[in-house]
Amino acid sequence: MKTNKSKLFTLYLFTMFLAVVINGCSDDNAVITKSDNLELSALSASDSTDNTGILQLEYAKILIKDIKLNVSNNNQDSTNFKVGPYLLTLNLISNVNTISTGLIPVGTYDKVKFSVHKLEDNETVPDPEFADVNGRYSIVVKGRYNGIAFTYKSTKSAHQKLTFPNMLVVSPSGKSNITLLVKPYIWFIKNNIYLDPADEDNRNDIDNNIKDNINNNFKIFLDNDKNGLPD
């Protein structure tokens, strides 16, 4: 009997030991966290042409979604950064503001891909200006044309693919910042002439400027010191 009791007691101690070890391991795993290693910032440029007061923008708001980074020299391989949609507000005072941070695999990346996103009917409205009785929108711009106030709302969605001037190298340690430069004044120019945003005949030209990025109104670059200039 004593032998059996001794064996049972030994088995009990061994079981308790295993429980402590297993719980200890679980706790250790629970506290292991990884820090974000990439920041996405935005910079809005004011007009750089001889505007003479024709067009004055107060702000521009953009919904962006499905932000991805393309692995260098491999157009078929990309990694998700953020899904969104995110509301990007451009205040046109040339400040670099952080939009979001995330954790991406170590490696070298040559492009950023994202969508200018029209708000879907089943999506939460992040800002009341993006939905009204006429529909839902992807971009809202407010300003003045020849002194007359306007609000321009676009219903267009567009896929953008922007190439880094210098490769983004994500290392095992440290954090990088990439800055998205947006030039909304370019959206309202055709043949060096400013388009009246209130004139519906100009809508296709304005939307095409946004969608096609033919004038490089969207740019992306490495900007670790966040001074608004490519590193």
Protein backbone atom coordinates (compact mmCIF):
# COMPACT_ATOMS: atom_id res chain seq x y z
CA MET A 1 0.00 0.00 0.00
CA LYS A 2 2.79 2.38 0.89
CA THR A 3 4.45 1.64 -2.43
CA ASN A 4 1.27 2.42 -4.35
CA LYS A 5 0.72 5.63 -2.41
CA SER A 6 4.34 6.60 -3.07
CA LYS A 7 3.89 5.98 -6.80
CA LEU A 8 0.65 7.96 -6.86
CA PHE A 9 2.30 10.85 -5.04
CA THR A 10 5.25 10.79 -7.44
CA LEU A 11 2.86 10.75 -10.42
CA TYR A 12 0.96 13.70 -8.91
CA LEU A 13 4.15 15.74 -8.51
CA PHE A 14 5.20 14.94 -12.08
CA THR A 15 1.78 16.00 -13.40
CA MET A 16 1.93 19.28 -11.49
CA PHE A 17 5.43 19.87 -12.85
CA LEU A 18 4.23 19.38 -16.42
CA ALA A 19 1.33 21.74 -15.83
CA VAL A 20 3.68 24.46 -14.55
CA VAL A 21 6.05 23.98 -17.49
CA ILE A 22 3.24 24.04 -20.06
CA ASN A 23 1.59 27.09 -18.49
CA GLY A 24 4.95 28.80 -18.25
CA CYS A 25 5.61 28.22 -21.92
CA SER A 26 2.15 29.52 -22.84
CA ASP A 27 2.69 32.69 -20.84
CA ASP A 28 6.06 33.27 -22.47
CA ASN A 29 4.57 32.91 -25.92
CA ALA A 30 1.72 35.27 -25.05
CA VAL A 31 4.03 38.18 -24.24
CA ILE A 32 6.12 37.85 -27.39
CA THR A 33 5.13 40.69 -29.72
CA LYS A 34 6.61 42.18 -32.86
CA SER A 35 6.83 45.90 -33.43
CA ASP A 36 5.65 47.54 -36.63
CA ASN A 37 8.55 48.12 -38.98
CA LEU A 38 6.99 50.40 -41.61
CA GLU A 39 5.15 53.72 -41.49
CA LEU A 40 3.11 55.19 -44.33
CA SER A 41 2.92 58.98 -44.31
CA ALA A 42 1.29 61.50 -46.63
CA LEU A 43 2.30 64.90 -47.95
CA SER A 44 0.04 67.22 -49.91
CA ALA A 45 1.63 69.73 -52.25
CA SER A 46 0.26 73.20 -52.81
CA ASP A 47 0.06 74.65 -56.32
CA SER A 48 3.45 75.11 -57.92
CA THR A 49 2.27 76.88 -61.08
CA ASP A 50 1.33 80.49 -61.73
CA ASN A 51 -2.21 80.12 -60.41
CA THR A 52 -2.94 83.88 -59.98
CA GLY A 53 -5.77 82.96 -57.64
CA ILE A 54 -7.91 81.16 -60.20
CA LEU A 55 -8.06 77.92 -58.23
CA GLN A 56 -7.71 77.83 -54.45
CA LEU A 57 -8.14 74.48 -52.72
CA GLU A 58 -9.10 74.34 -49.07
CA TYR A 59 -8.69 70.58 -48.64
CA ALA A 60 -8.94 67.27 -50.46
CA LYS A 61 -10.10 63.97 -48.98
CA ILE A 62 -9.35 60.58 -50.52
CA LEU A 63 -10.46 57.06 -49.61
CA ILE A 64 -7.65 54.57 -50.23
CA LYS A 65 -7.79 50.79 -49.88
CA ASP A 66 -5.74 47.60 -50.36
CA ILE A 67 -2.29 49.08 -49.83
CA LYS A 68 0.32 46.57 -50.97
CA LEU A 69 4.09 46.52 -51.40
CA ASN A 70 5.54 44.82 -54.45
CA VAL A 71 8.58 42.59 -53.95
CA SER A 72 11.50 43.90 -56.00
CA ASN A 73 11.74 42.51 -59.56
CA ASN A 74 8.72 40.27 -59.04
CA ASN A 75 5.44 41.75 -60.23
CA GLN A 76 3.55 38.62 -59.17
CA ASP A 77 4.66 38.76 -55.54
CA SER A 78 3.35 41.42 -53.18
CA THR A 79 2.65 41.74 -49.48
CA ASN A 80 -0.35 43.38 -47.86
CA PHE A 81 0.35 46.45 -45.78
CA LYS A 82 -3.13 47.67 -44.89
CA VAL A 83 -6.57 46.82 -46.25
CA GLY A 84 -8.61 49.84 -45.22
CA PRO A 85 -10.37 51.79 -46.55
CA TYR A 86 -8.50 54.72 -45.02
CA LEU A 87 -9.57 58.33 -45.11
CA LEU A 88 -6.67 60.50 -46.25
CA THR A 89 -7.22 64.22 -45.63
CA LEU A 90 -4.89 66.60 -47.48
CA ASN A 91 -4.72 70.00 -45.81
CA LEU A 92 -2.33 71.46 -48.43
CA ILE A 93 0.11 72.95 -45.91
CA SER A 94 2.99 70.65 -46.89
CA ASN A 95 3.19 68.75 -43.59
CA VAL A 96 4.18 65.08 -43.50
CA ASN A 97 1.56 63.17 -41.50
CA THR A 98 1.58 59.48 -40.59
CA ILE A 99 -1.40 57.57 -42.00
CA SER A 100 -0.73 54.11 -40.61
CA THR A 101 1.93 51.66 -39.47
CA GLY A 102 2.31 47.94 -40.10
CA LEU A 103 4.56 44.91 -39.99
CA ILE A 104 5.85 43.53 -43.30
CA PRO A 105 8.38 40.79 -44.11
CA VAL A 106 12.07 41.61 -44.32
CA GLY A 107 13.03 42.20 -47.93
CA THR A 108 13.40 44.66 -50.79
CA TYR A 109 10.39 46.36 -52.38
CA ASP A 110 10.18 48.46 -55.54
CA LYS A 111 6.52 49.54 -55.79
CA VAL A 112 3.44 50.46 -53.80
CA LYS A 113 -0.03 49.53 -55.05
CA PHE A 114 -3.32 50.86 -53.72
CA SER A 115 -6.83 51.73 -54.84
CA VAL A 116 -8.63 55.04 -54.79
CA HIS A 117 -11.84 53.58 -53.46
CA LYS A 118 -15.47 54.55 -54.02
CA LEU A 119 -17.39 53.84 -50.84
CA GLU A 120 -19.64 50.79 -51.18
CA ASP A 121 -23.24 50.74 -49.95
CA ASN A 122 -22.40 48.22 -47.21
CA GLU A 123 -19.38 50.11 -45.89
CA THR A 124 -19.40 52.46 -42.91
CA VAL A 125 -19.25 56.11 -43.91
CA PRO A 126 -15.99 57.48 -42.43
CA ASP A 127 -16.90 61.08 -43.18
CA PRO A 128 -20.38 62.52 -43.92
CA GLU A 129 -19.12 64.21 -47.09
CA PHE A 130 -18.59 60.81 -48.72
CA ALA A 131 -22.27 59.94 -48.91
CA ASP A 132 -25.39 61.91 -49.76
CA VAL A 133 -28.74 61.48 -51.55
CA ASN A 134 -26.92 61.29 -54.89
CA GLY A 135 -24.60 58.44 -53.98
CA ARG A 136 -21.23 57.58 -52.46
CA TYR A 137 -17.81 58.92 -53.37
CA SER A 138 -14.09 58.24 -53.51
CA ILE A 139 -12.73 61.82 -53.44
CA VAL A 140 -14.05 65.09 -52.04
CA VAL A 141 -12.35 68.43 -52.81
CA LYS A 142 -13.42 71.80 -51.48
CA GLY A 143 -12.15 75.19 -52.65
CA ARG A 144 -12.80 78.26 -54.78
CA TYR A 145 -12.66 78.79 -58.54
CA ASN A 146 -12.44 82.46 -59.54
CA GLY A 147 -13.64 83.29 -56.04
CA ILE A 148 -16.74 81.06 -56.20
CA ALA A 149 -16.94 78.22 -53.66
CA PHE A 150 -17.23 74.66 -54.96
CA THR A 151 -17.25 71.09 -53.67
CA TYR A 152 -16.11 68.46 -56.14
CA LYS A 153 -17.04 64.82 -55.50
CA SER A 154 -15.74 61.95 -57.60
CA THR A 155 -17.41 58.56 -57.92
CA LYS A 156 -14.45 56.97 -59.69
CA SER A 157 -12.31 54.14 -58.35
CA ALA A 158 -8.78 53.74 -59.62
CA HIS A 159 -5.83 51.40 -59.14
CA GLN A 160 -2.49 53.09 -58.63
CA LYS A 161 0.97 51.52 -58.93
CA LEU A 162 3.81 53.79 -57.86
CA THR A 163 7.53 53.01 -58.20
CA PHE A 164 10.06 53.96 -55.54
CA PRO A 165 12.90 56.15 -56.90
CA ASN A 166 15.16 54.12 -54.59
CA MET A 167 14.32 50.64 -53.36
CA LEU A 168 12.69 50.21 -49.97
CA VAL A 169 14.87 47.81 -47.95
CA VAL A 170 13.17 46.44 -44.83
CA SER A 171 15.76 45.11 -42.38
CA PRO A 172 15.30 42.79 -39.38
CA SER A 173 15.72 45.76 -37.06
CA GLY A 174 14.64 49.38 -37.23
CA LYS A 175 11.67 51.11 -38.83
CA SER A 176 11.29 52.72 -42.25
CA ASN A 177 8.94 55.47 -43.41
CA ILE A 178 7.55 55.92 -46.91
CA THR A 179 5.77 59.12 -47.90
CA LEU A 180 2.92 59.38 -50.39
CA LEU A 181 3.03 62.74 -52.17
CA VAL A 182 -0.27 63.94 -53.62
CA LYS A 183 -0.68 66.97 -55.90
CA PRO A 184 -4.43 67.66 -56.09
CA TYR A 185 -4.07 70.90 -58.07
CA ILE A 186 -2.94 68.84 -61.06
CA TRP A 187 -6.33 67.13 -61.13
CA PHE A 188 -7.90 70.40 -62.29
CA ILE A 189 -5.50 71.28 -65.11
CA LYS A 190 -5.73 70.44 -68.81
CA ASN A 191 -3.40 71.89 -71.46
CA ASN A 192 -2.02 74.23 -68.78
CA ILE A 193 -5.49 75.69 -68.19
CA TYR A 194 -7.42 75.37 -64.93
CA LEU A 195 -10.72 73.54 -65.22
CA ASP A 196 -13.81 74.83 -63.46
CA PRO A 197 -14.78 72.00 -61.04
CA ALA A 198 -18.41 73.18 -61.07
CA ASP A 199 -18.71 72.67 -64.83
CA GLU A 200 -19.99 69.13 -65.48
CA ASP A 201 -18.34 69.19 -68.93
CA ASN A 202 -14.98 69.08 -67.11
CA ARG A 203 -15.81 66.04 -64.98
CA ASN A 204 -14.31 63.42 -67.29
CA ASP A 205 -11.06 65.36 -67.64
CA ILE A 206 -10.76 65.83 -63.89
CA ASP A 207 -11.57 62.19 -63.11
CA ASN A 208 -9.12 61.00 -65.77
CA ASN A 209 -6.37 63.13 -64.23
CA ILE A 210 -7.02 61.39 -60.92
CA LYS A 211 -7.35 57.91 -62.38
CA ASP A 212 -4.53 57.81 -64.92
CA ASN A 213 -1.84 59.61 -62.90
CA ILE A 214 -0.43 60.83 -66.21
CA ASN A 215 1.03 63.93 -64.56
CA ASN A 216 2.49 62.06 -61.58
CA ASN A 217 0.02 63.60 -59.16
CA PHE A 218 0.73 60.58 -56.92
CA LYS A 219 4.32 59.76 -55.97
CA ILE A 220 5.90 57.49 -53.35
CA PHE A 221 9.41 57.57 -51.87
CA LEU A 222 11.51 56.51 -48.91
CA ASP A 223 11.48 59.33 -46.34
CA ASN A 224 12.90 58.10 -43.05
CA ASP A 225 13.51 61.61 -41.70
CA LYS A 226 10.00 62.71 -42.74
CA ASN A 227 11.17 65.93 -44.32
CA GLY A 228 9.02 65.45 -47.42
CA LEU A 229 12.00 64.74 -49.70
CA PRO A 230 13.20 61.39 -51.07
CA ASP A 231 16.05 59.84 -49.09
